């Protein structure tokens, strides 16, 4: 993963962490396919639609779905790296 992709992946991790902590703005940002979200995902090497599908589990906001543990941020970074390798 390039340094730039790592930087932008960190932005996504921060937003996920903030959403988990109850930040309404972060939750809203992770809930829809905004131009900003698409840009950050592209720079991080992550498919925005994939992130939007996974976001409720990462943030603990899905009804009837158990939230992922706190290591979800590491999982996201690893998955981004895997996607780069398989692209």
N, C-alpha and C. Protein backbone atom coordinates (compact mmCIF):
# COMPACT_ATOMS: atom_id res chain seq x y z
N UNK A 1 0.85 -1.17 0.00
CA UNK A 1 0.00 0.00 0.00
C UNK A 1 0.90 1.23 0.00
N UNK A 2 0.58 2.18 -0.85
CA UNK A 2 1.39 3.39 -0.94
C UNK A 2 1.19 4.26 0.32
N UNK A 3 2.13 5.14 0.60
CA UNK A 3 1.97 6.04 1.75
C UNK A 3 0.69 6.89 1.63
N UNK A 4 0.35 7.29 0.41
CA UNK A 4 -0.85 8.10 0.21
C UNK A 4 -2.11 7.29 0.53
N UNK A 5 -2.15 6.04 0.07
CA UNK A 5 -3.30 5.18 0.35
C UNK A 5 -3.42 4.91 1.85
N UNK A 6 -2.28 4.73 2.51
CA UNK A 6 -2.29 4.54 3.97
C UNK A 6 -2.86 5.76 4.67
N UNK A 7 -2.47 6.95 4.20
CA UNK A 7 -2.98 8.19 4.78
C UNK A 7 -4.49 8.26 4.65
N UNK A 8 -5.00 8.02 3.45
CA UNK A 8 -6.45 8.12 3.24
C UNK A 8 -7.20 6.99 3.92
N UNK A 9 -6.57 5.82 4.06
CA UNK A 9 -7.18 4.74 4.85
C UNK A 9 -7.31 5.18 6.30
N UNK A 10 -6.33 5.93 6.78
CA UNK A 10 -6.39 6.45 8.15
C UNK A 10 -7.56 7.40 8.33
N UNK A 11 -7.85 8.19 7.31
CA UNK A 11 -9.01 9.08 7.38
C UNK A 11 -10.28 8.26 7.56
N UNK A 12 -10.40 7.16 6.81
CA UNK A 12 -11.57 6.30 6.94
C UNK A 12 -11.64 5.67 8.33
N UNK A 13 -10.51 5.24 8.84
CA UNK A 13 -10.46 4.64 10.17
C UNK A 13 -10.91 5.65 11.23
N UNK A 14 -10.47 6.88 11.11
CA UNK A 14 -10.87 7.92 12.06
C UNK A 14 -12.37 8.16 12.00
N UNK A 15 -12.92 8.20 10.79
CA UNK A 15 -14.37 8.39 10.66
C UNK A 15 -15.14 7.23 11.27
N UNK A 16 -14.66 6.01 11.04
CA UNK A 16 -15.32 4.83 11.62
C UNK A 16 -15.23 4.88 13.14
N UNK A 17 -14.08 5.22 13.66
CA UNK A 17 -13.91 5.32 15.12
C UNK A 17 -14.84 6.39 15.69
N UNK A 18 -14.90 7.54 15.03
CA UNK A 18 -15.78 8.61 15.50
C UNK A 18 -17.25 8.18 15.46
N UNK A 19 -17.64 7.48 14.40
CA UNK A 19 -19.02 6.99 14.29
C UNK A 19 -19.33 6.00 15.40
N UNK A 20 -18.37 5.14 15.73
CA UNK A 20 -18.57 4.19 16.82
C UNK A 20 -18.76 4.90 18.15
N UNK A 21 -18.15 6.05 18.28
CA UNK A 21 -18.24 6.82 19.53
C UNK A 21 -19.48 7.70 19.58
N UNK A 22 -20.30 7.64 18.53
CA UNK A 22 -21.56 8.38 18.53
C UNK A 22 -21.55 9.69 17.80
N UNK A 23 -20.50 10.01 17.07
CA UNK A 23 -20.43 11.27 16.33
C UNK A 23 -21.44 11.22 15.17
N UNK A 24 -22.46 12.07 15.26
CA UNK A 24 -23.53 12.07 14.26
C UNK A 24 -23.02 12.43 12.87
N UNK A 25 -22.08 13.35 12.79
CA UNK A 25 -21.54 13.76 11.48
C UNK A 25 -20.79 12.59 10.83
N UNK A 26 -20.01 11.87 11.60
CA UNK A 26 -19.27 10.72 11.06
C UNK A 26 -20.24 9.63 10.62
N UNK A 27 -21.27 9.39 11.41
CA UNK A 27 -22.27 8.38 11.04
C UNK A 27 -22.97 8.76 9.73
N UNK A 28 -23.32 10.02 9.62
CA UNK A 28 -23.99 10.48 8.40
C UNK A 28 -23.06 10.36 7.19
N UNK A 29 -21.79 10.66 7.38
CA UNK A 29 -20.82 10.59 6.27
C UNK A 29 -20.67 9.16 5.79
N UNK A 30 -20.75 8.19 6.72
CA UNK A 30 -20.60 6.78 6.37
C UNK A 30 -21.91 6.13 5.93
N UNK A 31 -22.97 6.91 5.89
CA UNK A 31 -24.29 6.34 5.57
C UNK A 31 -24.73 6.58 4.14
N UNK A 32 -24.02 7.44 3.41
CA UNK A 32 -24.44 7.69 2.03
C UNK A 32 -23.23 7.89 1.12
N UNK A 33 -23.46 7.70 -0.15
CA UNK A 33 -22.39 7.76 -1.16
C UNK A 33 -22.19 9.21 -1.61
N UNK A 34 -21.55 9.99 -0.75
CA UNK A 34 -21.29 11.39 -1.07
C UNK A 34 -20.04 11.50 -1.94
N UNK A 35 -19.90 12.62 -2.67
CA UNK A 35 -18.68 12.82 -3.46
C UNK A 35 -17.41 12.76 -2.61
N UNK A 36 -17.47 13.30 -1.40
CA UNK A 36 -16.30 13.27 -0.52
C UNK A 36 -15.93 11.84 -0.14
N UNK A 37 -16.94 11.04 0.20
CA UNK A 37 -16.68 9.65 0.57
C UNK A 37 -16.09 8.89 -0.61
N UNK A 38 -16.64 9.11 -1.80
CA UNK A 38 -16.13 8.43 -2.99
C UNK A 38 -14.67 8.81 -3.25
N UNK A 39 -14.34 10.08 -3.09
CA UNK A 39 -12.97 10.54 -3.31
C UNK A 39 -12.01 9.94 -2.30
N UNK A 40 -12.37 9.98 -1.03
CA UNK A 40 -11.49 9.43 0.01
C UNK A 40 -11.30 7.93 -0.21
N UNK A 41 -12.37 7.22 -0.54
CA UNK A 41 -12.26 5.78 -0.81
C UNK A 41 -11.35 5.52 -2.00
N UNK A 42 -11.49 6.30 -3.05
CA UNK A 42 -10.64 6.11 -4.24
C UNK A 42 -9.18 6.32 -3.88
N UNK A 43 -8.90 7.35 -3.10
CA UNK A 43 -7.52 7.63 -2.70
C UNK A 43 -6.97 6.56 -1.75
N UNK A 44 -7.86 5.91 -1.01
CA UNK A 44 -7.45 4.84 -0.09
C UNK A 44 -7.41 3.48 -0.79
N UNK A 45 -7.94 3.42 -2.01
CA UNK A 45 -7.96 2.15 -2.72
C UNK A 45 -9.06 1.22 -2.26
N UNK A 46 -10.17 1.80 -1.78
CA UNK A 46 -11.29 1.02 -1.25
C UNK A 46 -12.54 1.35 -2.06
N UNK A 47 -13.30 0.32 -2.39
CA UNK A 47 -14.56 0.50 -3.10
C UNK A 47 -15.57 1.15 -2.16
N UNK A 48 -16.10 2.33 -2.51
CA UNK A 48 -17.02 3.02 -1.60
C UNK A 48 -18.30 2.23 -1.35
N UNK A 49 -18.79 1.49 -2.33
CA UNK A 49 -20.00 0.70 -2.13
C UNK A 49 -19.76 -0.42 -1.13
N UNK A 50 -18.58 -1.02 -1.19
CA UNK A 50 -18.19 -2.05 -0.23
C UNK A 50 -18.15 -1.45 1.17
N UNK A 51 -17.54 -0.28 1.31
CA UNK A 51 -17.46 0.37 2.62
C UNK A 51 -18.85 0.70 3.14
N UNK A 52 -19.72 1.21 2.28
CA UNK A 52 -21.07 1.56 2.72
C UNK A 52 -21.85 0.33 3.18
N UNK A 53 -21.61 -0.82 2.54
CA UNK A 53 -22.28 -2.05 2.98
C UNK A 53 -21.72 -2.52 4.33
N UNK A 54 -20.43 -2.32 4.54
CA UNK A 54 -19.78 -2.79 5.76
C UNK A 54 -19.91 -1.79 6.92
N UNK A 55 -20.11 -0.54 6.63
CA UNK A 55 -20.11 0.51 7.66
C UNK A 55 -21.04 0.25 8.84
N UNK A 56 -22.27 -0.22 8.63
CA UNK A 56 -23.12 -0.47 9.80
C UNK A 56 -22.52 -1.48 10.78
N UNK A 57 -21.84 -2.48 10.28
CA UNK A 57 -21.19 -3.45 11.19
C UNK A 57 -19.96 -2.85 11.84
N UNK A 58 -19.22 -2.03 11.09
CA UNK A 58 -18.02 -1.42 11.66
C UNK A 58 -18.37 -0.42 12.76
N UNK A 59 -19.51 0.24 12.62
CA UNK A 59 -19.88 1.28 13.58
C UNK A 59 -20.87 0.79 14.62
N UNK A 60 -21.34 -0.45 14.49
CA UNK A 60 -22.28 -0.99 15.46
C UNK A 60 -23.69 -0.45 15.29
N UNK A 61 -24.04 -0.01 14.09
CA UNK A 61 -25.33 0.62 13.87
C UNK A 61 -26.33 -0.27 13.13
N UNK A 62 -25.96 -1.47 12.76
CA UNK A 62 -26.88 -2.34 12.04
C UNK A 62 -27.85 -2.99 13.01
N UNK A 63 -29.13 -3.00 12.65
CA UNK A 63 -30.13 -3.64 13.49
C UNK A 63 -29.98 -5.15 13.38
N UNK A 64 -29.90 -5.80 14.51
CA UNK A 64 -29.81 -7.25 14.53
C UNK A 64 -28.48 -7.81 14.09
N UNK A 65 -27.49 -6.97 13.91
CA UNK A 65 -26.17 -7.44 13.50
C UNK A 65 -25.17 -7.04 14.58
N UNK A 66 -24.41 -7.99 15.04
CA UNK A 66 -23.41 -7.71 16.07
C UNK A 66 -22.30 -6.86 15.48
N UNK A 67 -21.93 -5.83 16.20
CA UNK A 67 -20.84 -4.96 15.75
C UNK A 67 -19.52 -5.72 15.79
N UNK A 68 -18.62 -5.34 14.93
CA UNK A 68 -17.28 -5.93 14.95
C UNK A 68 -16.52 -5.40 16.16
N UNK A 69 -15.54 -6.15 16.60
CA UNK A 69 -14.77 -5.73 17.76
C UNK A 69 -13.89 -4.51 17.42
N UNK A 70 -13.25 -3.93 18.43
CA UNK A 70 -12.44 -2.72 18.19
C UNK A 70 -11.32 -2.88 17.17
N UNK A 71 -10.95 -4.11 16.85
CA UNK A 71 -9.90 -4.30 15.87
C UNK A 71 -10.42 -4.14 14.44
N UNK A 72 -11.65 -3.68 14.29
CA UNK A 72 -12.24 -3.49 12.96
C UNK A 72 -11.43 -2.51 12.13
N UNK A 73 -10.82 -1.55 12.78
CA UNK A 73 -10.00 -0.59 12.05
C UNK A 73 -8.81 -1.29 11.38
N UNK A 74 -8.20 -2.22 12.11
CA UNK A 74 -7.08 -2.98 11.54
C UNK A 74 -7.57 -3.87 10.40
N UNK A 75 -8.75 -4.44 10.58
CA UNK A 75 -9.34 -5.27 9.53
C UNK A 75 -9.55 -4.46 8.26
N UNK A 76 -10.06 -3.25 8.40
CA UNK A 76 -10.29 -2.40 7.25
C UNK A 76 -8.99 -2.11 6.51
N UNK A 77 -7.95 -1.81 7.25
CA UNK A 77 -6.65 -1.54 6.63
C UNK A 77 -6.11 -2.78 5.92
N UNK A 78 -6.25 -3.93 6.54
CA UNK A 78 -5.78 -5.17 5.91
C UNK A 78 -6.57 -5.49 4.65
N UNK A 79 -7.89 -5.30 4.72
CA UNK A 79 -8.72 -5.56 3.54
C UNK A 79 -8.37 -4.62 2.40
N UNK A 80 -8.08 -3.38 2.73
CA UNK A 80 -7.67 -2.43 1.69
C UNK A 80 -6.37 -2.88 1.04
N UNK A 81 -5.44 -3.37 1.85
CA UNK A 81 -4.18 -3.85 1.30
C UNK A 81 -4.39 -5.07 0.42
N UNK A 82 -5.27 -5.96 0.85
CA UNK A 82 -5.58 -7.15 0.04
C UNK A 82 -6.22 -6.75 -1.29
N UNK A 83 -7.13 -5.79 -1.25
CA UNK A 83 -7.77 -5.34 -2.49
C UNK A 83 -6.74 -4.78 -3.45
N UNK A 84 -5.74 -4.08 -2.93
CA UNK A 84 -4.68 -3.55 -3.78
C UNK A 84 -3.88 -4.67 -4.44
N UNK A 85 -3.62 -5.71 -3.67
CA UNK A 85 -2.83 -6.83 -4.19
C UNK A 85 -3.58 -7.62 -5.26
N UNK A 86 -4.90 -7.69 -5.12
CA UNK A 86 -5.68 -8.48 -6.06
C UNK A 86 -6.22 -7.66 -7.22
N UNK A 87 -5.99 -6.37 -7.20
CA UNK A 87 -6.52 -5.51 -8.28
C UNK A 87 -5.68 -5.63 -9.54
